[in-house]
Amino acid sequence: MTSNDLYVEYFGFTERPFTLLPDPDFIFWSRSHRRAFSVLEFGVITRAPITIVTGEVGAGKTTLIQKLLQAMDDDITLGLISNAQGGRGELLQWALNALSIDADLTGTYVAMFQQLQDFVIEEYACGRRVILLIDEAQNLSIEGLEELRMLTNINSNKDELLQLILVGQPELRQMIMRPEMRQFAQRVTATYHISARPRRHRRLRSTPPKPRRRDRVRVHRRRDRSCSRTFPRYSATGKQALRFCDGLCRH
């Protein structure tokens, strides 16, 4: 019996706890995650050429991807690339493999690109859309991002035949913001960054907090003015008495 089975049996769980795998059934819908998922859905519905979602390590990006895969319609052909690396040409091989296209990966770049284009056009003729989703996109090089931009040129003059969704760490945003990437940035229709907000800790006080010195000075000044109006002939004495009687003026 493993430690996970022990937790399931002892606490009566229905699922194995403390797993590092991104399980969409246990996603925590914070405000940032809801907005990020809305951006992903917006990019899919509006046929955005490029949609980008970034976040720090452990922010739940891959879990959002798995949740998006569950919500995909049947008229969408999706290819998932979990860890794409390499330069120009190798990324095209990743795309062909993710879309399960029977192509000669040892052929020329032009031949592989033509095979991808023919597949996308055939899917469009059948009423289906093709989406290429790339996780850990911060590992892509500048040449790889430029190659992705060229893939978005496959269109029907009315509709985008190939959509791209890039999910990665903040380094991806830094690459796209470079001056030489302005053509790529123009293709980005929807983008969002999952921000990690620090937790707010509040200490419970058993006694009321003491006022700050500045606040005490202000209180004394207000009491001094009130005492001066109450005892105009003995303003100095009234002020001194007011300090000793804690502001309770008595005739």
Protein backbone atom coordinates (compact mmCIF):
# COMPACT_ATOMS: atom_id res chain seq x y z
CA MET A 1 0.00 0.00 0.00
CA THR A 2 1.42 3.35 -1.04
CA SER A 3 1.12 6.59 0.90
CA ASN A 4 -1.47 7.92 -1.55
CA ASP A 5 -3.63 4.80 -1.11
CA LEU A 6 -3.36 5.29 2.63
CA TYR A 7 -4.77 8.81 2.35
CA VAL A 8 -7.60 7.62 0.12
CA GLU A 9 -8.59 4.81 2.47
CA TYR A 10 -8.22 6.73 5.73
CA PHE A 11 -9.92 9.98 4.72
CA GLY A 12 -12.38 8.44 2.30
CA PHE A 13 -11.17 10.34 -0.75
CA THR A 14 -12.40 9.44 -4.20
CA GLU A 15 -9.26 10.72 -5.95
CA ARG A 16 -5.56 10.36 -5.25
CA PRO A 17 -4.37 13.50 -3.40
CA PHE A 18 -1.08 15.36 -3.51
CA THR A 19 -0.35 14.72 -7.18
CA LEU A 20 1.72 17.05 -9.32
CA LEU A 21 -0.15 16.20 -12.50
CA PRO A 22 -2.37 19.01 -13.86
CA ASP A 23 -5.88 17.73 -13.15
CA PRO A 24 -8.59 20.05 -14.55
CA ASP A 25 -11.17 18.61 -12.16
CA PHE A 26 -9.34 20.23 -9.24
CA ILE A 27 -8.70 23.63 -10.77
CA PHE A 28 -9.07 26.61 -8.43
CA TRP A 29 -11.04 29.30 -10.23
CA SER A 30 -9.44 32.45 -8.95
CA ARG A 31 -10.18 35.76 -10.65
CA SER A 32 -6.99 35.56 -12.70
CA HIS A 33 -7.70 31.99 -13.82
CA ARG A 34 -11.25 32.86 -14.83
CA ARG A 35 -10.01 35.76 -16.91
CA ALA A 36 -7.26 33.67 -18.49
CA PHE A 37 -9.74 30.95 -19.43
CA SER A 38 -12.10 33.57 -20.84
CA VAL A 39 -9.27 34.89 -23.01
CA LEU A 40 -8.59 31.37 -24.29
CA GLU A 41 -12.26 30.84 -25.10
CA PHE A 42 -12.41 34.26 -26.75
CA GLY A 43 -9.47 33.41 -28.97
CA VAL A 44 -11.07 30.14 -30.05
CA ILE A 45 -14.52 31.59 -30.71
CA THR A 46 -13.34 34.67 -32.61
CA ARG A 47 -10.82 32.70 -34.70
CA ALA A 48 -7.96 34.80 -33.37
CA PRO A 49 -4.74 34.17 -35.31
CA ILE A 50 -2.59 34.11 -32.16
CA THR A 51 -3.70 33.93 -28.52
CA ILE A 52 -1.14 34.16 -25.72
CA VAL A 53 -1.48 33.36 -22.00
CA THR A 54 1.51 33.68 -19.70
CA GLY A 55 2.16 33.12 -16.01
CA GLU A 56 4.82 32.23 -13.49
CA VAL A 57 5.95 28.69 -12.77
CA GLY A 58 3.20 26.78 -11.01
CA ALA A 59 0.47 29.32 -11.83
CA GLY A 60 -1.79 26.63 -13.31
CA LYS A 61 -1.27 27.26 -17.02
CA THR A 62 -1.15 23.60 -18.02
CA THR A 63 -4.23 22.89 -15.94
CA LEU A 64 -6.08 25.60 -17.87
CA ILE A 65 -4.97 23.96 -21.10
CA GLN A 66 -6.38 20.62 -19.99
CA LYS A 67 -9.63 22.33 -19.04
CA LEU A 68 -9.76 23.98 -22.47
CA LEU A 69 -9.27 20.62 -24.16
CA GLN A 70 -12.34 19.30 -22.33
CA ALA A 71 -14.42 22.24 -23.57
CA MET A 72 -13.40 21.95 -27.23
CA ASP A 73 -16.18 21.39 -29.78
CA ASP A 74 -16.23 18.48 -32.17
CA ASP A 75 -15.65 20.73 -35.17
CA ILE A 76 -12.13 21.61 -34.01
CA THR A 77 -8.99 19.68 -34.87
CA LEU A 78 -6.44 20.44 -32.19
CA GLY A 79 -2.77 19.64 -32.06
CA LEU A 80 -0.98 19.92 -28.70
CA ILE A 81 2.76 20.53 -28.49
CA SER A 82 3.86 20.21 -24.88
CA ASN A 83 7.54 21.02 -25.13
CA ALA A 84 8.60 22.38 -28.50
CA GLN A 85 12.25 23.14 -29.00
CA GLY A 86 14.52 23.74 -31.94
CA GLY A 87 14.87 26.27 -34.70
CA ARG A 88 13.36 26.76 -38.10
CA GLY A 89 12.13 23.54 -39.70
CA GLU A 90 12.01 21.51 -36.50
CA LEU A 91 8.94 23.37 -35.27
CA LEU A 92 7.12 22.45 -38.46
CA GLN A 93 7.91 18.81 -37.74
CA TRP A 94 6.43 19.22 -34.27
CA ALA A 95 3.26 20.66 -35.81
CA LEU A 96 2.90 17.80 -38.29
CA ASN A 97 3.39 15.26 -35.54
CA ALA A 98 0.88 16.99 -33.19
CA LEU A 99 -1.82 17.04 -35.88
CA SER A 100 -1.15 13.37 -36.72
CA ILE A 101 -0.33 14.19 -40.33
CA ASP A 102 1.30 11.31 -42.16
CA ALA A 103 4.18 13.24 -43.69
CA ASP A 104 7.77 12.60 -44.61
CA LEU A 105 9.63 14.39 -41.82
CA THR A 106 12.91 13.88 -43.61
CA GLY A 107 11.75 15.84 -46.65
CA THR A 108 12.44 19.45 -47.49
CA TYR A 109 10.93 22.35 -45.65
CA VAL A 110 8.82 23.34 -48.65
CA ALA A 111 7.39 19.82 -48.95
CA MET A 112 6.47 19.66 -45.25
CA PHE A 113 4.87 23.11 -45.37
CA GLN A 114 2.82 22.08 -48.41
CA GLN A 115 1.60 18.98 -46.59
CA LEU A 116 0.51 21.08 -43.61
CA GLN A 117 -1.24 23.57 -45.85
CA ASP A 118 -3.10 20.84 -47.74
CA PHE A 119 -4.24 19.28 -44.46
CA VAL A 120 -5.54 22.60 -43.11
CA ILE A 121 -7.41 23.35 -46.35
CA GLU A 122 -9.02 19.90 -46.34
CA GLU A 123 -10.18 20.36 -42.76
CA TYR A 124 -11.65 23.76 -43.65
CA ALA A 125 -13.50 22.24 -46.59
CA CYS A 126 -15.03 19.70 -44.20
CA GLY A 127 -16.22 22.46 -41.88
CA ARG A 128 -13.53 21.96 -39.28
CA ARG A 129 -11.02 24.39 -37.77
CA VAL A 130 -7.40 23.61 -36.95
CA ILE A 131 -5.85 24.92 -33.74
CA LEU A 132 -2.22 24.42 -32.78
CA LEU A 133 -1.69 24.78 -29.02
CA ILE A 134 1.87 25.13 -27.75
CA ASP A 135 2.66 24.75 -24.06
CA GLU A 136 5.96 25.94 -22.57
CA ALA A 137 6.24 28.35 -25.49
CA GLN A 138 8.98 30.34 -23.74
CA ASN A 139 11.39 27.65 -24.95
CA LEU A 140 10.86 28.72 -28.55
CA SER A 141 13.53 30.77 -30.25
CA ILE A 142 13.02 33.98 -32.19
CA GLU A 143 13.27 31.97 -35.40
CA GLY A 144 10.64 29.57 -34.09
CA LEU A 145 8.19 32.37 -33.32
CA GLU A 146 8.76 33.85 -36.75
CA GLU A 147 8.03 30.46 -38.27
CA LEU A 148 4.74 30.34 -36.36
CA ARG A 149 3.83 33.74 -37.71
CA MET A 150 4.35 32.47 -41.22
CA LEU A 151 1.96 29.57 -40.51
CA THR A 152 -0.84 32.06 -39.82
CA ASN A 153 -0.58 33.18 -43.46
CA ILE A 154 -2.58 30.08 -44.39
CA ASN A 155 -6.07 31.56 -44.84
CA SER A 156 -9.03 31.62 -47.19
CA ASN A 157 -9.05 35.40 -47.63
CA LYS A 158 -12.03 35.44 -45.24
CA ASP A 159 -11.27 33.04 -42.38
CA GLU A 160 -8.10 32.02 -40.58
CA LEU A 161 -7.52 28.36 -41.36
CA LEU A 162 -4.90 27.84 -38.65
CA GLN A 163 -5.09 29.33 -35.17
CA LEU A 164 -2.25 29.42 -32.66
CA ILE A 165 -2.48 29.38 -28.86
CA LEU A 166 0.79 29.96 -27.01
CA VAL A 167 1.07 29.35 -23.27
CA GLY A 168 4.28 29.97 -21.40
CA GLN A 169 6.23 31.80 -18.74
CA PRO A 170 6.80 35.59 -18.65
CA GLU A 171 9.91 35.21 -20.79
CA LEU A 172 7.55 34.66 -23.72
CA ARG A 173 6.11 38.15 -23.30
CA GLN A 174 9.59 39.63 -23.14
CA MET A 175 10.51 38.05 -26.46
CA ILE A 176 7.35 39.26 -28.18
CA MET A 177 7.93 42.82 -26.95
CA ARG A 178 11.25 43.05 -28.77
CA PRO A 179 11.36 45.52 -31.68
CA GLU A 180 12.20 42.80 -34.18
CA MET A 181 9.04 40.92 -33.18
CA ARG A 182 6.58 43.71 -34.03
CA GLN A 183 5.19 41.74 -36.99
CA PHE A 184 4.46 38.82 -34.69
CA ALA A 185 2.88 41.12 -32.10
CA GLN A 186 0.49 42.49 -34.74
CA ARG A 187 -0.97 39.00 -35.18
CA VAL A 188 -1.70 38.63 -31.45
CA THR A 189 -5.42 39.27 -30.92
CA ALA A 190 -5.93 38.12 -27.32
CA THR A 191 -3.39 38.00 -24.50
CA TYR A 192 -3.44 37.70 -20.71
CA HIS A 193 -0.94 37.27 -17.88
CA ILE A 194 -1.89 35.24 -14.80
CA SER A 195 -0.72 37.39 -11.92
CA ALA A 196 0.25 35.85 -8.60
CA ARG A 197 -1.06 38.09 -5.84
CA PRO A 198 0.54 37.82 -2.39
CA ARG A 199 -1.62 36.68 0.46
CA ARG A 200 -2.71 39.22 3.02
CA HIS A 201 -2.02 38.20 6.59
CA ARG A 202 -4.04 39.79 9.36
CA ARG A 203 -3.03 39.56 13.00
CA LEU A 204 -5.73 39.17 15.61
CA ARG A 205 -5.37 41.69 18.42
CA SER A 206 -6.51 40.95 21.94
CA THR A 207 -6.41 44.67 22.83
CA PRO A 208 -7.29 47.72 20.73
CA PRO A 209 -4.32 49.09 18.81
CA LYS A 210 -2.62 52.10 20.29
CA PRO A 211 -2.97 55.30 18.27
CA ARG A 212 0.09 56.60 16.55
CA ARG A 213 1.88 59.62 17.92
CA ARG A 214 0.66 61.74 15.04
CA ASP A 215 -2.92 60.70 15.76
CA ARG A 216 -2.50 61.52 19.46
CA VAL A 217 -1.23 64.99 18.59
CA ARG A 218 -4.24 65.59 16.38
CA VAL A 219 -6.61 64.46 19.14
CA HIS A 220 -4.98 66.82 21.63
CA ARG A 221 -5.25 69.71 19.20
CA ARG A 222 -8.93 69.10 18.70
CA ARG A 223 -9.42 68.90 22.47
CA ASP A 224 -7.40 72.09 22.94
CA ARG A 225 -9.62 73.97 20.52
CA SER A 226 -12.79 72.68 22.14
CA CYS A 227 -11.50 73.58 25.59
CA SER A 228 -10.57 77.08 24.41
CA ARG A 229 -14.12 77.60 23.24
CA THR A 230 -15.51 76.26 26.53
CA PHE A 231 -13.15 78.23 28.80
CA PRO A 232 -12.18 81.37 26.89
CA ARG A 233 -10.70 83.12 29.98
CA TYR A 234 -8.71 80.14 31.14
CA SER A 235 -7.60 78.66 27.87
CA ALA A 236 -4.09 77.74 29.05
CA THR A 237 -5.36 76.23 32.29
CA GLY A 238 -8.14 74.47 30.50
CA LYS A 239 -5.72 72.97 28.07
CA GLN A 240 -3.55 71.63 30.87
CA ALA A 241 -6.54 70.25 32.74
CA LEU A 242 -7.88 68.74 29.58
CA ARG A 243 -4.76 66.70 29.13
CA PHE A 244 -4.94 65.32 32.68
CA CYS A 245 -8.67 64.53 32.57
CA ASP A 246 -8.40 62.84 29.17
CA GLY A 247 -10.61 65.34 27.41
CA LEU A 248 -13.57 65.26 29.86
CA CYS A 249 -14.27 68.92 30.62
CA ARG A 250 -16.32 69.45 33.77
CA HIS A 251 -17.69 72.71 35.23
